[in-house]
Amino acid sequence: MNRTLPAFIAIRTVLNTAHRMVYPFLSIFARGLGVDLTTMSLALTARSLVGTFGPFAASAADSHGRKLGMLFGVGLFTLGAALVVFWPTFWVLAVALSLATLGKYIFDPAMQAYLSDRINYERRGLAIAVTEFGWSLAFVLGVPLMGFLIARRGWMAPFPLLALLGALTFVGIVLMLPKDGKPRADRSPLWANFRSVLTYVPALAGLAVGLFASTANEVVNLIFGVWLEDSFGLKIAALGAASAIIGLSELGGEGLVAAFVDRLGKPRAVAIGLLANSLAALSLPFLGRTEAGALTGLFFFYISFEFTLVSCIPLMTEVLPGARATLMSFNVAALSLGRALGAPLAPLLYGFGFLAVAAGAVGFNLLALLALRKLQKSQMARVDIT
């Protein structure tokens, strides 16, 4: 693990950089391709829809091995980046972003299952949290690097580098990780893995925790920029500061999970995160009377959400060990569904004021706590989640 974990952090930084760079440079990509922002948003819509197919592909890591699943994901990512290098058109970019996202959604669950197979549950939270640094480092290091390249060589500049890094990653996985064992006779096919997840109450309860927590986050996430603009009239400055706050809070949340989740216990850590996130949400309308107060409130809101989200991952790895990769890919899909639910609710709630937005976030966090309680009370098939 001493060399595997740093390698996984680096790989996830690359994959997440490709995923996150689209948002700050969306208008640049649109101008480079000669399309408007509305048309460009179609590429992001397609990318989001492709994420729903992640469980189908990620199940290969349960049926055929973790290493193969990771290679499959990295291969799709590399193919997507390479397509733009040779055919720099809008529709190719839309396909490329979709392939890169699908590759990420396949790699992540396979990697989490690989670590879970090799690290005891009591110490697993630290290992999983460490790999999550690849999410925040993509924002802190990867996206600025892509911006540096774009400023000097145009909108296409990131893709040759991403394709090269993807190819090197593929070779690195082949050489670094041990071969998957021969497929066992008791390995379940895809539909059997799906049935295991969708008919197992603790698994459904765990998925509900992530879904409701993600919805709570999204109702604030979607509207905080509008709120800052309405409150202070400093759209560019305030949103720039907010972006820095989010990046720092993500790093802080992942660091706190690495330090405390195994000591606290995974369910307790998730519960603490949900309660802290609710308090942070309720504080936003009151702290938001000043710009500094609003940004401080956002910092605590996002650090508590990141703590909750990252604490959920090691918890979920032991809910259904026989179909780990499949369940973890369903977990990603549940988080995406939560964001999809929160997006249309946010403007409706904001119509009643930002306090209604905060109250909505608290309500969904309470639903997540109830689902967590159901998960804890349910009898685990192989291990008691404590």
Protein backbone atom coordinates (compact mmCIF):
# COMPACT_ATOMS: atom_id res chain seq x y z
CA MET A 1 0.00 0.00 0.00
CA ASN A 2 2.94 2.38 0.54
CA ARG A 3 3.39 2.75 -3.22
CA THR A 4 -0.13 1.83 -4.34
CA LEU A 5 -1.93 4.60 -2.45
CA PRO A 6 0.23 7.46 -3.83
CA ALA A 7 -0.22 5.98 -7.31
CA PHE A 8 -3.99 5.90 -6.88
CA ILE A 9 -3.98 9.53 -5.70
CA ALA A 10 -2.05 10.54 -8.82
CA ILE A 11 -4.35 8.55 -11.12
CA ARG A 12 -7.48 9.99 -9.59
CA THR A 13 -6.02 13.50 -9.83
CA VAL A 14 -5.65 13.01 -13.58
CA LEU A 15 -9.14 11.55 -14.04
CA ASN A 16 -10.77 14.21 -11.88
CA THR A 17 -8.88 17.05 -13.58
CA ALA A 18 -10.49 16.10 -16.89
CA HIS A 19 -13.87 15.98 -15.14
CA ARG A 20 -13.59 19.28 -13.26
CA MET A 21 -11.80 21.47 -15.80
CA VAL A 22 -14.88 21.78 -18.00
CA TYR A 23 -16.75 24.10 -15.64
CA PRO A 24 -14.29 27.01 -15.31
CA PHE A 25 -13.29 26.83 -19.00
CA LEU A 26 -16.73 26.14 -20.46
CA SER A 27 -16.91 29.42 -22.37
CA ILE A 28 -13.38 28.94 -23.74
CA PHE A 29 -14.24 25.49 -25.07
CA ALA A 30 -17.42 26.92 -26.61
CA ARG A 31 -15.57 29.74 -28.39
CA GLY A 32 -12.86 27.38 -29.61
CA LEU A 33 -15.45 25.06 -31.13
CA GLY A 34 -17.57 27.88 -32.53
CA VAL A 35 -20.71 27.04 -30.54
CA ASP A 36 -22.72 28.92 -27.94
CA LEU A 37 -22.97 28.02 -24.26
CA THR A 38 -26.40 26.45 -24.71
CA THR A 39 -25.00 24.05 -27.29
CA MET A 40 -21.95 23.41 -25.15
CA SER A 41 -24.20 22.50 -22.23
CA LEU A 42 -25.48 19.59 -24.33
CA ALA A 43 -22.06 17.98 -23.96
CA LEU A 44 -22.36 18.21 -20.17
CA THR A 45 -25.89 16.83 -20.30
CA ALA A 46 -24.67 13.85 -22.31
CA ARG A 47 -21.83 13.37 -19.86
CA SER A 48 -24.23 13.31 -16.93
CA LEU A 49 -26.52 10.81 -18.63
CA VAL A 50 -23.60 8.49 -19.37
CA GLY A 51 -22.86 8.37 -15.65
CA THR A 52 -26.05 6.36 -15.15
CA PHE A 53 -24.46 3.49 -17.11
CA GLY A 54 -21.58 3.26 -14.66
CA PRO A 55 -23.06 0.38 -12.63
CA PHE A 56 -23.37 -1.76 -15.77
CA ALA A 57 -19.71 -1.36 -16.69
CA ALA A 58 -18.29 -1.26 -13.16
CA SER A 59 -19.85 -4.61 -12.37
CA ALA A 60 -17.07 -6.11 -14.51
CA ALA A 61 -14.74 -5.56 -11.55
CA ASP A 62 -16.88 -7.96 -9.50
CA SER A 63 -17.25 -10.51 -12.27
CA HIS A 64 -13.79 -10.40 -13.87
CA GLY A 65 -11.44 -8.80 -11.34
CA ARG A 66 -10.46 -5.44 -9.90
CA LYS A 67 -7.40 -4.88 -12.07
CA LEU A 68 -9.35 -5.51 -15.25
CA GLY A 69 -12.02 -3.08 -14.09
CA MET A 70 -9.42 -0.36 -13.46
CA LEU A 71 -7.77 -0.97 -16.82
CA PHE A 72 -11.15 -0.80 -18.55
CA GLY A 73 -11.89 2.56 -16.93
CA VAL A 74 -8.48 4.08 -17.70
CA GLY A 75 -8.68 2.74 -21.26
CA LEU A 76 -11.99 4.53 -21.89
CA PHE A 77 -10.58 7.72 -20.38
CA THR A 78 -7.50 7.59 -22.61
CA LEU A 79 -9.58 6.86 -25.70
CA GLY A 80 -11.79 9.87 -24.99
CA ALA A 81 -8.85 12.27 -24.60
CA ALA A 82 -7.15 10.89 -27.72
CA LEU A 83 -10.26 11.36 -29.87
CA VAL A 84 -10.18 15.13 -29.34
CA VAL A 85 -6.50 15.24 -30.35
CA PHE A 86 -7.30 13.77 -33.77
CA TRP A 87 -10.83 15.13 -34.34
CA PRO A 88 -11.29 18.48 -32.52
CA THR A 89 -15.00 18.98 -33.17
CA PHE A 90 -17.93 19.62 -30.86
CA TRP A 91 -19.55 16.20 -31.25
CA VAL A 92 -16.23 14.42 -30.76
CA LEU A 93 -15.65 16.49 -27.62
CA ALA A 94 -19.10 15.51 -26.34
CA VAL A 95 -18.26 11.83 -26.92
CA ALA A 96 -14.82 12.29 -25.38
CA LEU A 97 -16.18 13.88 -22.20
CA SER A 98 -18.71 11.07 -21.90
CA LEU A 99 -16.05 8.38 -22.33
CA ALA A 100 -13.74 10.08 -19.83
CA THR A 101 -16.54 10.32 -17.27
CA LEU A 102 -17.61 6.72 -17.80
CA GLY A 103 -13.98 5.68 -17.39
CA LYS A 104 -13.79 7.56 -14.10
CA TYR A 105 -17.02 5.98 -12.88
CA ILE A 106 -15.62 2.53 -13.68
CA PHE A 107 -12.14 3.10 -12.26
CA ASP A 108 -13.22 4.56 -8.90
CA PRO A 109 -15.42 1.65 -7.70
CA ALA A 110 -12.90 -0.92 -8.94
CA MET A 111 -10.11 0.86 -7.06
CA GLN A 112 -12.21 1.12 -3.89
CA ALA A 113 -13.06 -2.58 -4.13
CA TYR A 114 -9.37 -3.42 -4.67
CA LEU A 115 -8.38 -1.55 -1.50
CA SER A 116 -11.26 -3.04 0.46
CA ASP A 117 -10.16 -6.56 -0.48
CA ARG A 118 -6.73 -5.89 1.01
CA ILE A 119 -7.25 -3.56 3.99
CA ASN A 120 -9.12 -4.44 7.16
CA TYR A 121 -12.35 -2.55 7.70
CA GLU A 122 -10.97 -1.03 10.92
CA ARG A 123 -8.20 0.76 8.95
CA ARG A 124 -9.95 1.18 5.63
CA GLY A 125 -11.30 4.67 6.23
CA LEU A 126 -7.79 6.15 6.23
CA ALA A 127 -6.86 4.48 2.94
CA ILE A 128 -10.10 5.47 1.19
CA ALA A 129 -9.87 9.06 2.46
CA VAL A 130 -6.28 9.37 1.23
CA THR A 131 -7.28 8.39 -2.30
CA GLU A 132 -10.02 11.05 -2.18
CA PHE A 133 -7.29 13.69 -2.15
CA GLY A 134 -7.29 13.09 -5.91
CA TRP A 135 -10.63 14.95 -6.09
CA SER A 136 -9.50 18.14 -4.36
CA LEU A 137 -5.98 18.07 -5.84
CA ALA A 138 -7.56 18.10 -9.28
CA PHE A 139 -9.11 21.46 -8.38
CA VAL A 140 -6.03 22.80 -6.59
CA LEU A 141 -3.32 21.57 -9.00
CA GLY A 142 -4.79 19.96 -12.11
CA VAL A 143 -7.28 22.64 -13.18
CA PRO A 144 -4.76 25.52 -12.83
CA LEU A 145 -2.29 23.52 -14.94
CA MET A 146 -4.94 23.02 -17.62
CA GLY A 147 -5.67 26.75 -17.49
CA PHE A 148 -1.95 27.51 -17.95
CA LEU A 149 -1.85 25.29 -21.03
CA ILE A 150 -5.08 26.70 -22.49
CA ALA A 151 -3.85 30.29 -22.05
CA ARG A 152 -0.74 29.53 -24.09
CA ARG A 153 -1.83 26.94 -26.65
CA GLY A 154 -5.60 27.16 -26.94
CA TRP A 155 -8.58 25.09 -25.84
CA MET A 156 -7.19 21.81 -27.20
CA ALA A 157 -3.98 21.95 -25.16
CA PRO A 158 -5.10 19.76 -22.23
CA PHE A 159 -6.11 16.77 -24.32
CA PRO A 160 -2.73 15.57 -25.65
CA LEU A 161 -1.37 15.71 -22.09
CA LEU A 162 -4.40 13.90 -20.67
CA ALA A 163 -4.16 11.21 -23.37
CA LEU A 164 -0.46 10.73 -22.62
CA LEU A 165 -1.07 10.55 -18.86
CA GLY A 166 -3.90 8.08 -19.47
CA ALA A 167 -1.64 5.83 -21.55
CA LEU A 168 1.13 5.98 -18.94
CA THR A 169 -1.45 5.18 -16.25
CA PHE A 170 -2.66 2.14 -18.18
CA VAL A 171 0.89 0.80 -18.48
CA GLY A 172 1.57 1.61 -14.82
CA ILE A 173 -1.45 -0.39 -13.65
CA VAL A 174 -0.42 -3.34 -15.81
CA LEU A 175 3.06 -3.34 -14.26
CA MET A 176 2.26 -2.30 -10.69
CA LEU A 177 -0.80 -4.31 -9.67
CA PRO A 178 -0.82 -8.10 -9.32
CA LYS A 179 -2.80 -10.11 -11.81
CA ASP A 180 -6.40 -10.86 -11.01
CA GLY A 181 -6.92 -14.43 -9.95
CA LYS A 182 -8.74 -16.80 -12.24
CA PRO A 183 -12.48 -16.12 -12.25
CA ARG A 184 -14.06 -18.11 -9.45
CA ALA A 185 -17.05 -20.30 -10.10
CA ASP A 186 -18.98 -18.36 -7.44
CA ARG A 187 -18.45 -14.97 -9.05
CA SER A 188 -21.86 -13.61 -9.91
CA PRO A 189 -22.83 -12.30 -13.36
CA LEU A 190 -23.92 -8.70 -13.84
CA TRP A 191 -27.66 -9.17 -13.27
CA ALA A 192 -27.04 -11.27 -10.17
CA ASN A 193 -24.85 -8.47 -8.76
CA PHE A 194 -27.57 -5.95 -9.54
CA ARG A 195 -30.17 -8.12 -7.85
CA SER A 196 -27.92 -8.46 -4.78
CA VAL A 197 -27.80 -4.68 -4.44
CA LEU A 198 -31.41 -3.86 -5.26
CA THR A 199 -32.95 -6.50 -3.00
CA TYR A 200 -30.70 -5.97 0.05
CA VAL A 201 -32.20 -3.51 2.53
CA PRO A 202 -28.90 -2.35 4.12
CA ALA A 203 -27.49 -1.61 0.66
CA LEU A 204 -30.59 0.42 -0.26
CA ALA A 205 -30.42 2.26 3.06
CA GLY A 206 -26.75 3.10 2.46
CA LEU A 207 -27.52 4.37 -1.03
CA ALA A 208 -30.29 6.53 0.42
CA VAL A 209 -27.80 8.16 2.82
CA GLY A 210 -25.67 9.34 -0.10
CA LEU A 211 -28.68 10.34 -2.21
CA PHE A 212 -30.26 12.53 0.48
CA ALA A 213 -26.94 14.06 1.58
CA SER A 214 -26.13 14.90 -2.03
CA THR A 215 -29.55 16.48 -2.51
CA ALA A 216 -29.02 18.59 0.61
CA ASN A 217 -25.69 19.79 -0.75
CA GLU A 218 -27.03 20.55 -4.22
CA VAL A 219 -29.87 22.81 -3.09
CA VAL A 220 -27.21 25.11 -1.61
CA ASN A 221 -24.53 24.41 -4.21
CA LEU A 222 -26.72 25.50 -7.12
CA ILE A 223 -27.96 28.70 -5.54
CA PHE A 224 -25.08 30.09 -3.49
CA GLY A 225 -23.65 32.05 -6.46
CA VAL A 226 -26.99 33.74 -7.07
CA TRP A 227 -27.29 34.40 -3.35
CA LEU A 228 -23.85 36.03 -3.22
CA GLU A 229 -24.63 38.17 -6.25
CA ASP A 230 -28.00 39.25 -4.87
CA SER A 231 -26.52 39.97 -1.45
CA PHE A 232 -23.30 41.77 -2.34
CA GLY A 233 -23.33 42.58 -6.06
CA LEU A 234 -19.77 41.30 -6.34
CA LYS A 235 -20.30 38.36 -8.65
CA ILE A 236 -16.77 37.86 -9.98
CA ALA A 237 -14.90 38.63 -6.78
CA ALA A 238 -17.29 36.74 -4.54
CA LEU A 239 -17.48 33.66 -6.76
CA GLY A 240 -13.70 33.62 -7.15
CA ALA A 241 -13.30 33.68 -3.39
CA ALA A 242 -16.01 31.04 -3.04
CA SER A 243 -14.17 28.74 -5.45
CA ALA A 244 -11.03 28.99 -3.34
CA ILE A 245 -13.09 28.31 -0.22
CA ILE A 246 -14.58 25.18 -1.79
CA GLY A 247 -11.17 23.85 -2.78
CA LEU A 248 -9.73 24.39 0.70
CA SER A 249 -12.79 22.91 2.38
CA GLU A 250 -12.56 19.77 0.23
CA LEU A 251 -8.95 19.25 1.24
CA GLY A 252 -9.85 19.89 4.86
CA GLY A 253 -12.78 17.48 4.83
CA GLU A 254 -10.70 14.69 3.32
CA GLY A 255 -7.92 15.32 5.83
CA LEU A 256 -10.36 15.13 8.75
CA VAL A 257 -11.74 11.84 7.49
CA ALA A 258 -8.23 10.41 7.14
CA ALA A 259 -7.47 11.46 10.71
CA PHE A 260 -10.68 10.51 12.51
CA VAL A 261 -13.06 8.21 10.60
CA ASP A 262 -11.48 4.94 11.76
CA ARG A 263 -11.28 6.18 15.36
CA LEU A 264 -14.83 7.48 15.48
CA GLY A 265 -16.36 4.58 13.56
CA LYS A 266 -17.81 5.05 10.09
CA PRO A 267 -21.53 5.44 10.98
CA ARG A 268 -20.74 7.87 13.81
CA ALA A 269 -18.52 9.92 11.49
CA VAL A 270 -21.29 10.10 8.87
CA ALA A 271 -23.82 11.16 11.52
CA ILE A 272 -21.49 13.86 12.86
CA GLY A 273 -20.93 15.12 9.33
CA LEU A 274 -24.67 15.31 8.61
CA LEU A 275 -25.39 17.15 11.84
CA ALA A 276 -22.50 19.57 11.29
CA ASN A 277 -23.65 20.19 7.72
CA SER A 278 -27.16 20.96 8.97
CA LEU A 279 -25.82 23.46 11.51
CA ALA A 280 -23.67 25.07 8.83
CA ALA A 281 -26.67 25.35 6.50
CA LEU A 282 -28.77 26.99 9.21
CA SER A 283 -25.96 29.44 9.98
CA LEU A 284 -25.65 30.64 6.38
CA PRO A 285 -28.62 33.07 6.36
CA PHE A 286 -27.29 34.71 9.54
CA LEU A 287 -23.58 34.70 8.73
CA GLY A 288 -24.48 35.85 5.22
CA ARG A 289 -25.19 39.38 6.36
CA THR A 290 -21.59 40.17 5.44
CA GLU A 291 -19.47 38.85 2.58
CA ALA A 292 -16.82 37.49 4.96
CA GLY A 293 -19.50 35.81 7.04
CA ALA A 294 -21.08 34.24 3.97
CA LEU A 295 -17.76 32.80 2.80
CA THR A 296 -17.03 31.52 6.31
CA GLY A 297 -20.40 29.80 6.39
CA LEU A 298 -19.78 28.26 2.97
CA PHE A 299 -16.42 26.93 4.16
CA PHE A 300 -18.05 25.08 7.07
CA PHE A 301 -20.90 23.89 4.87
CA TYR A 302 -18.59 22.36 2.28
CA ILE A 303 -16.04 20.93 4.71
CA SER A 304 -18.82 19.18 6.64
CA PHE A 305 -20.33 17.83 3.41
CA GLU A 306 -16.97 16.53 2.21
CA PHE A 307 -16.42 14.91 5.62
CA THR A 308 -19.83 13.22 5.33
CA LEU A 309 -19.35 12.08 1.75
CA VAL A 310 -15.86 10.66 2.21
CA SER A 311 -16.87 8.93 5.48
CA CYS A 312 -19.69 7.21 3.59
CA ILE A 313 -17.32 5.53 1.15
CA PRO A 314 -15.52 3.14 3.56
CA LEU A 315 -18.85 2.48 5.27
CA MET A 316 -20.37 1.34 1.98
CA THR A 317 -17.42 -0.89 1.07
CA GLU A 318 -18.41 -3.41 3.76
CA VAL A 319 -22.18 -3.42 3.30
CA LEU A 320 -22.13 -5.99 0.49
CA PRO A 321 -18.63 -7.50 0.14
CA GLY A 322 -19.73 -10.02 -2.48
CA ALA A 323 -20.61 -7.23 -4.93
CA ARG A 324 -18.39 -4.39 -3.75
CA ALA A 325 -17.62 -2.75 -7.06
CA THR A 326 -21.25 -2.96 -8.17
CA LEU A 327 -22.50 -1.37 -4.96
CA MET A 328 -19.85 1.36 -5.07
CA SER A 329 -20.85 2.20 -8.63
CA PHE A 330 -24.50 2.36 -7.52
CA ASN A 331 -23.32 4.71 -4.79
CA VAL A 332 -21.88 7.05 -7.43
CA ALA A 333 -25.17 6.84 -9.33
CA ALA A 334 -27.10 7.66 -6.12
CA LEU A 335 -24.97 10.75 -5.56
CA SER A 336 -25.63 11.85 -9.14
CA LEU A 337 -29.37 11.25 -8.68
CA GLY A 338 -29.25 13.34 -5.52
CA ARG A 339 -27.71 16.22 -7.43
CA ALA A 340 -30.37 15.81 -10.13
CA LEU A 341 -33.12 16.01 -7.49
CA GLY A 342 -31.60 19.02 -5.77
CA ALA A 343 -31.08 21.07 -8.93
CA PRO A 344 -34.76 21.85 -9.73
CA LEU A 345 -35.65 22.25 -6.05
CA ALA A 346 -33.03 24.93 -5.38
CA PRO A 347 -34.61 27.80 -7.37
CA LEU A 348 -38.08 26.89 -6.10
CA LEU A 349 -36.88 27.11 -2.49
CA TYR A 350 -34.94 30.30 -3.17
CA GLY A 351 -38.19 31.90 -4.28
CA PHE A 352 -39.11 31.88 -0.57
CA GLY A 353 -35.71 33.23 0.49
CA PHE A 354 -32.36 31.73 1.34
CA LEU A 355 -33.61 30.57 4.73
CA ALA A 356 -35.94 28.18 2.87
CA VAL A 357 -32.92 26.83 0.96
CA ALA A 358 -31.09 26.21 4.23
CA ALA A 359 -34.17 24.55 5.72
CA GLY A 360 -34.46 22.31 2.66
CA ALA A 361 -30.84 21.20 3.08
CA VAL A 362 -31.50 20.38 6.73
CA GLY A 363 -34.61 18.40 5.82
CA PHE A 364 -32.72 16.19 3.38
CA ASN A 365 -29.90 15.72 5.89
CA LEU A 366 -32.46 14.48 8.41
CA LEU A 367 -33.72 11.96 5.85
CA ALA A 368 -30.09 10.85 5.40
CA LEU A 369 -29.79 10.38 9.17
CA LEU A 370 -32.93 8.21 9.18
CA ALA A 371 -31.50 6.10 6.37
CA LEU A 372 -28.22 5.77 8.29
CA ARG A 373 -30.16 4.59 11.33
CA LYS A 374 -31.92 1.98 9.18
CA LEU A 375 -28.55 0.80 7.88
CA GLN A 376 -27.17 0.44 11.41
CA LYS A 377 -30.22 -1.47 12.66
CA SER A 378 -30.28 -3.85 9.72
CA GLN A 379 -28.51 -7.14 10.14
CA MET A 380 -25.39 -7.30 8.01
CA ALA A 381 -24.83 -10.50 6.05
CA ARG A 382 -21.15 -10.87 6.98
CA VAL A 383 -20.14 -8.14 9.38
CA ASP A 384 -21.73 -5.70 11.80
CA ILE A 385 -21.05 -2.15 10.57
CA THR A 386 -19.72 -0.32 13.61
